[in-house]
Amino acid sequence: MTDYHFPPRELAVMSVLWRLESATVAEVREHLDEDLAYTSVLSALQILEEKGYVRHEPEGRAYRYFPTVAADRAGKSAITRIKDAIFHGSTERLFAQLVSDRKLGRDELERMRALLAERLGDDDANGNGNGGAA
């Protein structure tokens, strides 16, 4: 797995691109929480392009930028770094932290339960029979 590391400003720009699927500099600017100058957003996009995380295509007198890295792949990399740095590599401790969030509603917890049940079913189907313990 490639390790994707985004400083805060680059992550904010990537978040807009992932949400919109593509955007011009002006569109990224208007969707950012922080009020940045046009040149600051352009600079962030150019850096991301140099790193290979975005690409652009001409659109009139501007460029339209597209993410070349999927959000879920970047998220997996970030979660792995958090798990290793904060939870000493323990997925169980990371999971415990996530589900202890009191803001999680019952519906979301039920969806998480269904994901766990599906994963446990996959392990049983693969003959592991140990409930997913490794």
C-alpha atoms as a PDB file:
ATOM      1  CA  MET A   1       0.000   0.000   0.000  1.00  0.00           C
ATOM      2  CA  THR A   2       1.275   3.425  -0.926  1.00  0.00           C
ATOM      3  CA  ASP A   3       1.520   5.752   2.040  1.00  0.00           C
ATOM      4  CA  TYR A   4      -0.395   8.948   1.298  1.00  0.00           C
ATOM      5  CA  HIS A   5       0.375  11.855   3.562  1.00  0.00           C
ATOM      6  CA  PHE A   6      -1.495  15.107   3.157  1.00  0.00           C
ATOM      7  CA  PRO A   7      -0.623  18.207   5.171  1.00  0.00           C
ATOM      8  CA  PRO A   8      -3.809  19.950   6.427  1.00  0.00           C
ATOM      9  CA  ARG A   9      -4.235  22.403   3.527  1.00  0.00           C
ATOM     10  CA  GLU A  10      -3.632  19.730   0.888  1.00  0.00           C
ATOM     11  CA  LEU A  11      -6.062  17.414   2.679  1.00  0.00           C
ATOM     12  CA  ALA A  12      -8.716  20.149   2.679  1.00  0.00           C
ATOM     13  CA  VAL A  13      -8.251  20.618  -1.087  1.00  0.00           C
ATOM     14  CA  MET A  14      -8.329  16.860  -1.714  1.00  0.00           C
ATOM     15  CA  SER A  15     -11.491  16.583   0.377  1.00  0.00           C
ATOM     16  CA  VAL A  16     -13.210  19.084  -1.924  1.00  0.00           C
ATOM     17  CA  LEU A  17     -12.027  17.212  -5.024  1.00  0.00           C
ATOM     18  CA  TRP A  18     -13.204  13.871  -3.618  1.00  0.00           C
ATOM     19  CA  ARG A  19     -16.589  15.363  -2.765  1.00  0.00           C
ATOM     20  CA  LEU A  20     -17.084  17.147  -6.102  1.00  0.00           C
ATOM     21  CA  GLU A  21     -15.145  14.604  -8.220  1.00  0.00           C
ATOM     22  CA  SER A  22     -13.533  17.514 -10.100  1.00  0.00           C
ATOM     23  CA  ALA A  23     -13.255  21.267  -9.665  1.00  0.00           C
ATOM     24  CA  THR A  24     -11.631  24.446 -10.880  1.00  0.00           C
ATOM     25  CA  VAL A  25      -9.487  26.523  -8.531  1.00  0.00           C
ATOM     26  CA  ALA A  26     -12.441  28.870  -7.976  1.00  0.00           C
ATOM     27  CA  GLU A  27     -14.771  25.958  -7.153  1.00  0.00           C
ATOM     28  CA  VAL A  28     -12.277  24.499  -4.682  1.00  0.00           C
ATOM     29  CA  ARG A  29     -11.949  27.941  -3.061  1.00  0.00           C
ATOM     30  CA  GLU A  30     -15.690  28.338  -2.566  1.00  0.00           C
ATOM     31  CA  HIS A  31     -16.018  24.881  -0.948  1.00  0.00           C
ATOM     32  CA  LEU A  32     -13.142  25.273   1.526  1.00  0.00           C
ATOM     33  CA  ASP A  33     -13.891  26.098   5.165  1.00  0.00           C
ATOM     34  CA  GLU A  34     -10.868  28.411   5.247  1.00  0.00           C
ATOM     35  CA  ASP A  35     -10.935  31.619   3.173  1.00  0.00           C
ATOM     36  CA  LEU A  36      -7.802  31.249   1.049  1.00  0.00           C
ATOM     37  CA  ALA A  37      -6.471  33.404  -1.755  1.00  0.00           C
ATOM     38  CA  TYR A  38      -6.871  32.050  -5.277  1.00  0.00           C
ATOM     39  CA  THR A  39      -3.083  31.741  -5.549  1.00  0.00           C
ATOM     40  CA  SER A  40      -2.891  29.688  -2.336  1.00  0.00           C
ATOM     41  CA  VAL A  41      -5.438  27.188  -3.662  1.00  0.00           C
ATOM     42  CA  LEU A  42      -3.683  27.088  -7.033  1.00  0.00           C
ATOM     43  CA  SER A  43      -0.356  26.467  -5.311  1.00  0.00           C
ATOM     44  CA  ALA A  44      -1.828  23.594  -3.268  1.00  0.00           C
ATOM     45  CA  LEU A  45      -3.284  22.044  -6.425  1.00  0.00           C
ATOM     46  CA  GLN A  46       0.042  22.381  -8.239  1.00  0.00           C
ATOM     47  CA  ILE A  47       1.874  20.689  -5.363  1.00  0.00           C
ATOM     48  CA  LEU A  48      -0.707  17.890  -5.320  1.00  0.00           C
ATOM     49  CA  GLU A  49      -0.255  17.481  -9.062  1.00  0.00           C
ATOM     50  CA  GLU A  50       3.548  17.297  -8.683  1.00  0.00           C
ATOM     51  CA  LYS A  51       3.026  14.532  -6.116  1.00  0.00           C
ATOM     52  CA  GLY A  52       0.765  12.699  -8.576  1.00  0.00           C
ATOM     53  CA  TYR A  53      -2.391  13.030  -6.461  1.00  0.00           C
ATOM     54  CA  VAL A  54      -4.328  15.186  -8.944  1.00  0.00           C
ATOM     55  CA  ARG A  55      -4.346  15.862 -12.663  1.00  0.00           C
ATOM     56  CA  HIS A  56      -5.841  18.671 -14.692  1.00  0.00           C
ATOM     57  CA  GLU A  57      -7.536  19.247 -18.013  1.00  0.00           C
ATOM     58  CA  PRO A  58      -8.060  22.604 -19.754  1.00  0.00           C
ATOM     59  CA  GLU A  59     -11.561  24.018 -19.389  1.00  0.00           C
ATOM     60  CA  GLY A  60     -11.987  27.298 -21.198  1.00  0.00           C
ATOM     61  CA  ARG A  61      -9.446  29.703 -19.754  1.00  0.00           C
ATOM     62  CA  ALA A  62      -9.078  27.673 -16.548  1.00  0.00           C
ATOM     63  CA  TYR A  63      -8.108  24.150 -15.558  1.00  0.00           C
ATOM     64  CA  ARG A  64     -10.358  21.493 -14.079  1.00  0.00           C
ATOM     65  CA  TYR A  65      -8.612  19.326 -11.477  1.00  0.00           C
ATOM     66  CA  PHE A  66      -9.372  15.658 -10.828  1.00  0.00           C
ATOM     67  CA  PRO A  67      -8.181  13.465  -7.943  1.00  0.00           C
ATOM     68  CA  THR A  68      -6.014  10.543  -9.071  1.00  0.00           C
ATOM     69  CA  VAL A  69      -6.056   8.930  -5.621  1.00  0.00           C
ATOM     70  CA  ALA A  70      -9.300   7.472  -4.297  1.00  0.00           C
ATOM     71  CA  ALA A  71     -10.457   8.759  -0.915  1.00  0.00           C
ATOM     72  CA  ASP A  72     -10.762   5.250   0.507  1.00  0.00           C
ATOM     73  CA  ARG A  73      -7.139   4.426  -0.404  1.00  0.00           C
ATOM     74  CA  ALA A  74      -5.883   7.641   1.181  1.00  0.00           C
ATOM     75  CA  GLY A  75      -8.104   6.992   4.195  1.00  0.00           C
ATOM     76  CA  LYS A  76      -6.706   3.507   4.664  1.00  0.00           C
ATOM     77  CA  SER A  77      -3.190   4.931   4.686  1.00  0.00           C
ATOM     78  CA  ALA A  78      -4.151   7.622   7.211  1.00  0.00           C
ATOM     79  CA  ILE A  79      -5.950   5.166   9.485  1.00  0.00           C
ATOM     80  CA  THR A  80      -2.954   2.841   9.432  1.00  0.00           C
ATOM     81  CA  ARG A  81      -0.706   5.732  10.525  1.00  0.00           C
ATOM     82  CA  ILE A  82      -3.132   6.657  13.322  1.00  0.00           C
ATOM     83  CA  LYS A  83      -3.474   3.032  14.414  1.00  0.00           C
ATOM     84  CA  ASP A  84       0.301   2.603  14.546  1.00  0.00           C
ATOM     85  CA  ALA A  85       1.140   5.950  16.161  1.00  0.00           C
ATOM     86  CA  ILE A  86      -1.672   6.298  18.688  1.00  0.00           C
ATOM     87  CA  PHE A  87      -2.993   2.788  19.308  1.00  0.00           C
ATOM     88  CA  HIS A  88       0.362   0.965  19.112  1.00  0.00           C
ATOM     89  CA  GLY A  89      -0.768  -1.027  16.075  1.00  0.00           C
ATOM     90  CA  SER A  90      -3.917  -2.338  17.769  1.00  0.00           C
ATOM     91  CA  THR A  91      -6.949  -2.392  15.499  1.00  0.00           C
ATOM     92  CA  GLU A  92      -9.047  -3.456  18.486  1.00  0.00           C
ATOM     93  CA  ARG A  93      -8.099  -0.326  20.454  1.00  0.00           C
ATOM     94  CA  LEU A  94      -8.803   1.880  17.423  1.00  0.00           C
ATOM     95  CA  PHE A  95     -12.197   0.203  16.956  1.00  0.00           C
ATOM     96  CA  ALA A  96     -13.015   0.601  20.665  1.00  0.00           C
ATOM     97  CA  GLN A  97     -12.256   4.320  20.379  1.00  0.00           C
ATOM     98  CA  LEU A  98     -14.508   4.654  17.328  1.00  0.00           C
ATOM     99  CA  VAL A  99     -17.524   2.866  18.817  1.00  0.00           C
ATOM    100  CA  SER A 100     -17.228   4.696  22.149  1.00  0.00           C
ATOM    101  CA  ASP A 101     -18.132   7.948  20.356  1.00  0.00           C
ATOM    102  CA  ARG A 102     -21.446   8.972  21.971  1.00  0.00           C
ATOM    103  CA  LYS A 103     -22.380  10.898  18.812  1.00  0.00           C
ATOM    104  CA  LEU A 104     -22.850   7.645  16.895  1.00  0.00           C
ATOM    105  CA  GLY A 105     -26.508   6.964  16.393  1.00  0.00           C
ATOM    106  CA  ARG A 106     -28.169   3.583  16.656  1.00  0.00           C
ATOM    107  CA  ASP A 107     -28.538   3.333  12.856  1.00  0.00           C
ATOM    108  CA  GLU A 108     -24.825   3.838  12.318  1.00  0.00           C
ATOM    109  CA  LEU A 109     -23.962   1.351  15.061  1.00  0.00           C
ATOM    110  CA  GLU A 110     -26.319  -1.187  13.474  1.00  0.00           C
ATOM    111  CA  ARG A 111     -24.590  -0.733  10.105  1.00  0.00           C
ATOM    112  CA  MET A 112     -21.239  -1.285  11.819  1.00  0.00           C
ATOM    113  CA  ARG A 113     -22.634  -4.431  13.452  1.00  0.00           C
ATOM    114  CA  ALA A 114     -23.771  -5.686  10.036  1.00  0.00           C
ATOM    115  CA  LEU A 115     -20.286  -5.061   8.610  1.00  0.00           C
ATOM    116  CA  LEU A 116     -18.762  -7.056  11.465  1.00  0.00           C
ATOM    117  CA  ALA A 117     -21.257  -9.888  11.001  1.00  0.00           C
ATOM    118  CA  GLU A 118     -20.500  -9.964   7.280  1.00  0.00           C
ATOM    119  CA  ARG A 119     -16.761 -10.063   7.961  1.00  0.00           C
ATOM    120  CA  LEU A 120     -17.149 -12.812  10.541  1.00  0.00           C
ATOM    121  CA  GLY A 121     -19.241 -14.757   8.034  1.00  0.00           C
ATOM    122  CA  ASP A 122     -16.457 -14.370   5.452  1.00  0.00           C
ATOM    123  CA  ASP A 123     -13.915 -15.800   7.890  1.00  0.00           C
ATOM    124  CA  ASP A 124     -16.185 -18.760   8.661  1.00  0.00           C
ATOM    125  CA  ALA A 125     -16.744 -19.324   4.935  1.00  0.00           C
ATOM    126  CA  ASN A 126     -12.964 -19.332   4.414  1.00  0.00           C
ATOM    127  CA  GLY A 127     -12.608 -22.061   7.022  1.00  0.00           C
ATOM    128  CA  ASN A 128     -10.932 -19.846   9.601  1.00  0.00           C
ATOM    129  CA  GLY A 129     -13.652 -20.521  12.150  1.00  0.00           C
ATOM    130  CA  ASN A 130     -11.870 -18.410  14.750  1.00  0.00           C
ATOM    131  CA  GLY A 131     -14.220 -15.448  14.634  1.00  0.00           C
ATOM    132  CA  GLY A 132     -11.694 -13.257  12.850  1.00  0.00           C
ATOM    133  CA  ALA A 133      -8.943 -13.483  15.454  1.00  0.00           C
ATOM    134  CA  ALA A 134      -5.510 -13.506  13.926  1.00  0.00           C
END
